[in-house]
């Protein structure tokens, strides 16, 4: 059993501005989580948030940049578990940007939710990706110079 998420948004901002919002660690911390991201293939980084022990999540998302096509595509792993060194969720996030009209079409693919526990996690994550993330990203994009 595996579940994959594909979520699409349109932002009325130029692609380069949306790309900056996805790849500048300070901006990412404003709409997603605190992080030590660098847009370099092979860079290992973490997102930090509140732990959810009932979901076997220690509050750290372990990531590694797998692919970058500047201004177009960003791919990284997204792993989590109950404690460092114990991974229960092993997925991949792909962000794809395409100019559309005067704005940007953003496609988020979050793939690889395997097993019942991760299927449940995917439902909660999908709700956040669909509701909270576009609202937060819009706010950051509007506040950018």
C-alpha atoms as a PDB file:
ATOM      1  CA  UNK A   1       0.000   0.000   0.000  1.00  0.00           C
ATOM      2  CA  UNK A   2       1.434   3.366  -1.060  1.00  0.00           C
ATOM      3  CA  UNK A   3      -0.043   6.836  -1.313  1.00  0.00           C
ATOM      4  CA  UNK A   4       1.352   9.800  -3.221  1.00  0.00           C
ATOM      5  CA  UNK A   5       0.207  13.412  -3.023  1.00  0.00           C
ATOM      6  CA  UNK A   6       0.109  15.845  -5.944  1.00  0.00           C
ATOM      7  CA  UNK A   7      -1.010  19.367  -5.048  1.00  0.00           C
ATOM      8  CA  UNK A   8      -1.158  22.393  -7.358  1.00  0.00           C
ATOM      9  CA  UNK A   9      -1.333  26.108  -6.643  1.00  0.00           C
ATOM     10  CA  UNK A  10      -1.154  29.301  -8.660  1.00  0.00           C
ATOM     11  CA  UNK A  11       0.593  32.348  -7.246  1.00  0.00           C
ATOM     12  CA  UNK A  12       0.299  35.761  -8.950  1.00  0.00           C
ATOM     13  CA  UNK A  13       4.048  36.296  -8.654  1.00  0.00           C
ATOM     14  CA  UNK A  14       6.937  35.792 -11.098  1.00  0.00           C
ATOM     15  CA  UNK A  15       8.583  32.375 -11.112  1.00  0.00           C
ATOM     16  CA  UNK A  16      11.918  33.759  -9.883  1.00  0.00           C
ATOM     17  CA  UNK A  17      10.247  35.246  -6.816  1.00  0.00           C
ATOM     18  CA  UNK A  18       8.485  31.947  -6.017  1.00  0.00           C
ATOM     19  CA  UNK A  19      11.791  30.108  -6.532  1.00  0.00           C
ATOM     20  CA  UNK A  20      13.462  32.406  -4.014  1.00  0.00           C
ATOM     21  CA  UNK A  21      10.637  31.694  -1.556  1.00  0.00           C
ATOM     22  CA  UNK A  22      11.329  27.931  -1.970  1.00  0.00           C
ATOM     23  CA  UNK A  23      15.117  28.116  -1.727  1.00  0.00           C
ATOM     24  CA  UNK A  24      16.015  30.921   0.694  1.00  0.00           C
ATOM     25  CA  UNK A  25      16.272  29.243   4.130  1.00  0.00           C
ATOM     26  CA  UNK A  26      15.095  32.363   5.962  1.00  0.00           C
ATOM     27  CA  UNK A  27      11.999  32.637   3.764  1.00  0.00           C
ATOM     28  CA  UNK A  28      11.313  28.885   4.005  1.00  0.00           C
ATOM     29  CA  UNK A  29      11.381  29.178   7.795  1.00  0.00           C
ATOM     30  CA  UNK A  30       8.589  31.759   7.549  1.00  0.00           C
ATOM     31  CA  UNK A  31       6.150  29.584   5.602  1.00  0.00           C
ATOM     32  CA  UNK A  32       7.239  26.031   6.491  1.00  0.00           C
ATOM     33  CA  UNK A  33       9.699  25.323   9.330  1.00  0.00           C
ATOM     34  CA  UNK A  34      13.040  26.368  10.781  1.00  0.00           C
ATOM     35  CA  UNK A  35      15.788  24.766   8.702  1.00  0.00           C
ATOM     36  CA  UNK A  36      19.410  24.697   7.613  1.00  0.00           C
ATOM     37  CA  UNK A  37      18.635  24.258   3.908  1.00  0.00           C
ATOM     38  CA  UNK A  38      21.115  25.139   1.168  1.00  0.00           C
ATOM     39  CA  UNK A  39      20.195  24.813  -2.525  1.00  0.00           C
ATOM     40  CA  UNK A  40      23.092  22.441  -3.271  1.00  0.00           C
ATOM     41  CA  UNK A  41      22.635  18.875  -4.557  1.00  0.00           C
ATOM     42  CA  UNK A  42      23.806  16.480  -1.865  1.00  0.00           C
ATOM     43  CA  UNK A  43      23.323  18.949   1.000  1.00  0.00           C
ATOM     44  CA  UNK A  44      21.781  17.262   4.046  1.00  0.00           C
ATOM     45  CA  UNK A  45      19.526  19.481   6.123  1.00  0.00           C
ATOM     46  CA  UNK A  46      16.763  19.344   8.707  1.00  0.00           C
ATOM     47  CA  UNK A  47      13.431  20.982   9.316  1.00  0.00           C
ATOM     48  CA  UNK A  48      12.519  21.509  12.975  1.00  0.00           C
ATOM     49  CA  UNK A  49       9.013  21.677  14.434  1.00  0.00           C
ATOM     50  CA  UNK A  50       7.021  20.545  17.448  1.00  0.00           C
ATOM     51  CA  UNK A  51       7.335  16.796  18.146  1.00  0.00           C
ATOM     52  CA  UNK A  52       4.222  14.630  17.863  1.00  0.00           C
ATOM     53  CA  UNK A  53       5.023  11.523  19.954  1.00  0.00           C
ATOM     54  CA  UNK A  54       1.602   9.914  19.241  1.00  0.00           C
ATOM     55  CA  UNK A  55       2.524   9.948  15.535  1.00  0.00           C
ATOM     56  CA  UNK A  56       6.084   8.634  16.206  1.00  0.00           C
ATOM     57  CA  UNK A  57       7.541  11.983  15.117  1.00  0.00           C
ATOM     58  CA  UNK A  58      10.401  13.627  17.022  1.00  0.00           C
ATOM     59  CA  UNK A  59       9.900  17.042  15.380  1.00  0.00           C
ATOM     60  CA  UNK A  60      12.821  16.708  12.971  1.00  0.00           C
ATOM     61  CA  UNK A  61      12.448  16.156   9.232  1.00  0.00           C
ATOM     62  CA  UNK A  62      15.678  14.736   7.799  1.00  0.00           C
ATOM     63  CA  UNK A  63      16.305  15.820   4.215  1.00  0.00           C
ATOM     64  CA  UNK A  64      18.854  15.686   1.416  1.00  0.00           C
ATOM     65  CA  UNK A  65      18.747  17.730  -1.781  1.00  0.00           C
ATOM     66  CA  UNK A  66      18.507  15.302  -4.711  1.00  0.00           C
ATOM     67  CA  UNK A  67      17.986  17.589  -7.714  1.00  0.00           C
ATOM     68  CA  UNK A  68      17.914  21.258  -8.611  1.00  0.00           C
ATOM     69  CA  UNK A  69      17.010  22.904 -11.894  1.00  0.00           C
ATOM     70  CA  UNK A  70      17.254  26.596 -10.968  1.00  0.00           C
ATOM     71  CA  UNK A  71      13.948  28.393 -11.236  1.00  0.00           C
ATOM     72  CA  UNK A  72      12.129  25.206 -12.234  1.00  0.00           C
ATOM     73  CA  UNK A  73      12.544  22.163 -10.004  1.00  0.00           C
ATOM     74  CA  UNK A  74      13.666  21.292  -6.474  1.00  0.00           C
ATOM     75  CA  UNK A  75      13.718  17.708  -5.159  1.00  0.00           C
ATOM     76  CA  UNK A  76      14.640  16.525  -1.661  1.00  0.00           C
ATOM     77  CA  UNK A  77      14.041  13.607   0.653  1.00  0.00           C
ATOM     78  CA  UNK A  78      11.613  14.007   3.553  1.00  0.00           C
ATOM     79  CA  UNK A  79      12.208  11.511   6.352  1.00  0.00           C
ATOM     80  CA  UNK A  80      11.030  11.374   9.927  1.00  0.00           C
ATOM     81  CA  UNK A  81      10.702   9.099  12.915  1.00  0.00           C
ATOM     82  CA  UNK A  82      10.388   8.799  16.670  1.00  0.00           C
ATOM     83  CA  UNK A  83      14.063   9.612  17.389  1.00  0.00           C
ATOM     84  CA  UNK A  84      17.325  10.325  15.548  1.00  0.00           C
ATOM     85  CA  UNK A  85      18.492   7.287  13.610  1.00  0.00           C
ATOM     86  CA  UNK A  86      15.040   5.672  13.561  1.00  0.00           C
ATOM     87  CA  UNK A  87      13.164   6.515  10.363  1.00  0.00           C
ATOM     88  CA  UNK A  88       9.522   5.526   9.975  1.00  0.00           C
ATOM     89  CA  UNK A  89       8.623   7.877   7.129  1.00  0.00           C
ATOM     90  CA  UNK A  90      10.790   7.873   4.001  1.00  0.00           C
ATOM     91  CA  UNK A  91       9.366  10.065   1.235  1.00  0.00           C
ATOM     92  CA  UNK A  92      10.466  12.473  -1.507  1.00  0.00           C
ATOM     93  CA  UNK A  93       9.243  16.019  -2.146  1.00  0.00           C
ATOM     94  CA  UNK A  94       9.356  17.540  -5.625  1.00  0.00           C
ATOM     95  CA  UNK A  95       8.575  21.196  -6.241  1.00  0.00           C
ATOM     96  CA  UNK A  96       8.019  22.162  -9.893  1.00  0.00           C
ATOM     97  CA  UNK A  97       7.516  25.757 -11.047  1.00  0.00           C
ATOM     98  CA  UNK A  98       6.056  26.828 -14.380  1.00  0.00           C
ATOM     99  CA  UNK A  99       5.253  30.344 -15.580  1.00  0.00           C
ATOM    100  CA  UNK A 100       1.514  30.672 -16.113  1.00  0.00           C
ATOM    101  CA  UNK A 101       0.071  33.954 -17.294  1.00  0.00           C
ATOM    102  CA  UNK A 102       1.519  36.683 -15.090  1.00  0.00           C
ATOM    103  CA  UNK A 103       2.160  34.265 -12.248  1.00  0.00           C
ATOM    104  CA  UNK A 104       3.519  30.838 -11.418  1.00  0.00           C
ATOM    105  CA  UNK A 105       1.985  27.366 -11.304  1.00  0.00           C
ATOM    106  CA  UNK A 106       3.503  25.423  -8.404  1.00  0.00           C
ATOM    107  CA  UNK A 107       3.178  21.637  -8.293  1.00  0.00           C
ATOM    108  CA  UNK A 108       4.119  19.807  -5.111  1.00  0.00           C
ATOM    109  CA  UNK A 109       4.552  16.047  -5.349  1.00  0.00           C
ATOM    110  CA  UNK A 110       5.038  14.271  -2.027  1.00  0.00           C
ATOM    111  CA  UNK A 111       5.607  10.610  -2.870  1.00  0.00           C
ATOM    112  CA  UNK A 112       6.280   7.380  -1.027  1.00  0.00           C
ATOM    113  CA  UNK A 113       3.853   7.101   1.896  1.00  0.00           C
ATOM    114  CA  UNK A 114       4.043   3.347   2.543  1.00  0.00           C
ATOM    115  CA  UNK A 115       2.179   1.322   5.159  1.00  0.00           C
ATOM    116  CA  UNK A 116      -0.849   2.095   7.287  1.00  0.00           C
ATOM    117  CA  UNK A 117       0.869   4.462   9.742  1.00  0.00           C
ATOM    118  CA  UNK A 118       2.326   6.556   6.930  1.00  0.00           C
ATOM    119  CA  UNK A 119      -0.995   6.494   5.082  1.00  0.00           C
ATOM    120  CA  UNK A 120      -2.531   8.181   8.141  1.00  0.00           C
ATOM    121  CA  UNK A 121       0.379  10.669   8.237  1.00  0.00           C
ATOM    122  CA  UNK A 122      -0.210  11.472   4.556  1.00  0.00           C
ATOM    123  CA  UNK A 123      -3.813  12.474   5.265  1.00  0.00           C
ATOM    124  CA  UNK A 124      -2.714  14.996   7.910  1.00  0.00           C
ATOM    125  CA  UNK A 125       0.148  16.253   5.763  1.00  0.00           C
ATOM    126  CA  UNK A 126      -2.103  16.629   2.728  1.00  0.00           C
ATOM    127  CA  UNK A 127      -4.465  18.828   4.745  1.00  0.00           C
ATOM    128  CA  UNK A 128      -1.548  21.046   5.799  1.00  0.00           C
ATOM    129  CA  UNK A 129      -0.083  21.222   2.314  1.00  0.00           C
ATOM    130  CA  UNK A 130      -3.473  22.214   0.870  1.00  0.00           C
ATOM    131  CA  UNK A 131      -4.628  24.676   3.521  1.00  0.00           C
ATOM    132  CA  UNK A 132      -1.758  26.157   5.523  1.00  0.00           C
ATOM    133  CA  UNK A 133       1.147  26.203   3.088  1.00  0.00           C
ATOM    134  CA  UNK A 134      -0.394  28.233   0.231  1.00  0.00           C
ATOM    135  CA  UNK A 135      -1.752  30.789   2.727  1.00  0.00           C
ATOM    136  CA  UNK A 136       1.651  31.136   4.403  1.00  0.00           C
ATOM    137  CA  UNK A 137       3.543  31.242   1.099  1.00  0.00           C
ATOM    138  CA  UNK A 138       1.217  33.949  -0.264  1.00  0.00           C
ATOM    139  CA  UNK A 139       1.888  36.063   2.828  1.00  0.00           C
ATOM    140  CA  UNK A 140       5.679  35.676   2.428  1.00  0.00           C
ATOM    141  CA  UNK A 141       5.532  36.379  -1.315  1.00  0.00           C
ATOM    142  CA  UNK A 142       3.480  39.530  -0.731  1.00  0.00           C
ATOM    143  CA  UNK A 143       5.947  40.773   1.896  1.00  0.00           C
ATOM    144  CA  UNK A 144       9.027  40.140  -0.289  1.00  0.00           C
ATOM    145  CA  UNK A 145      10.596  43.112  -2.026  1.00  0.00           C
END
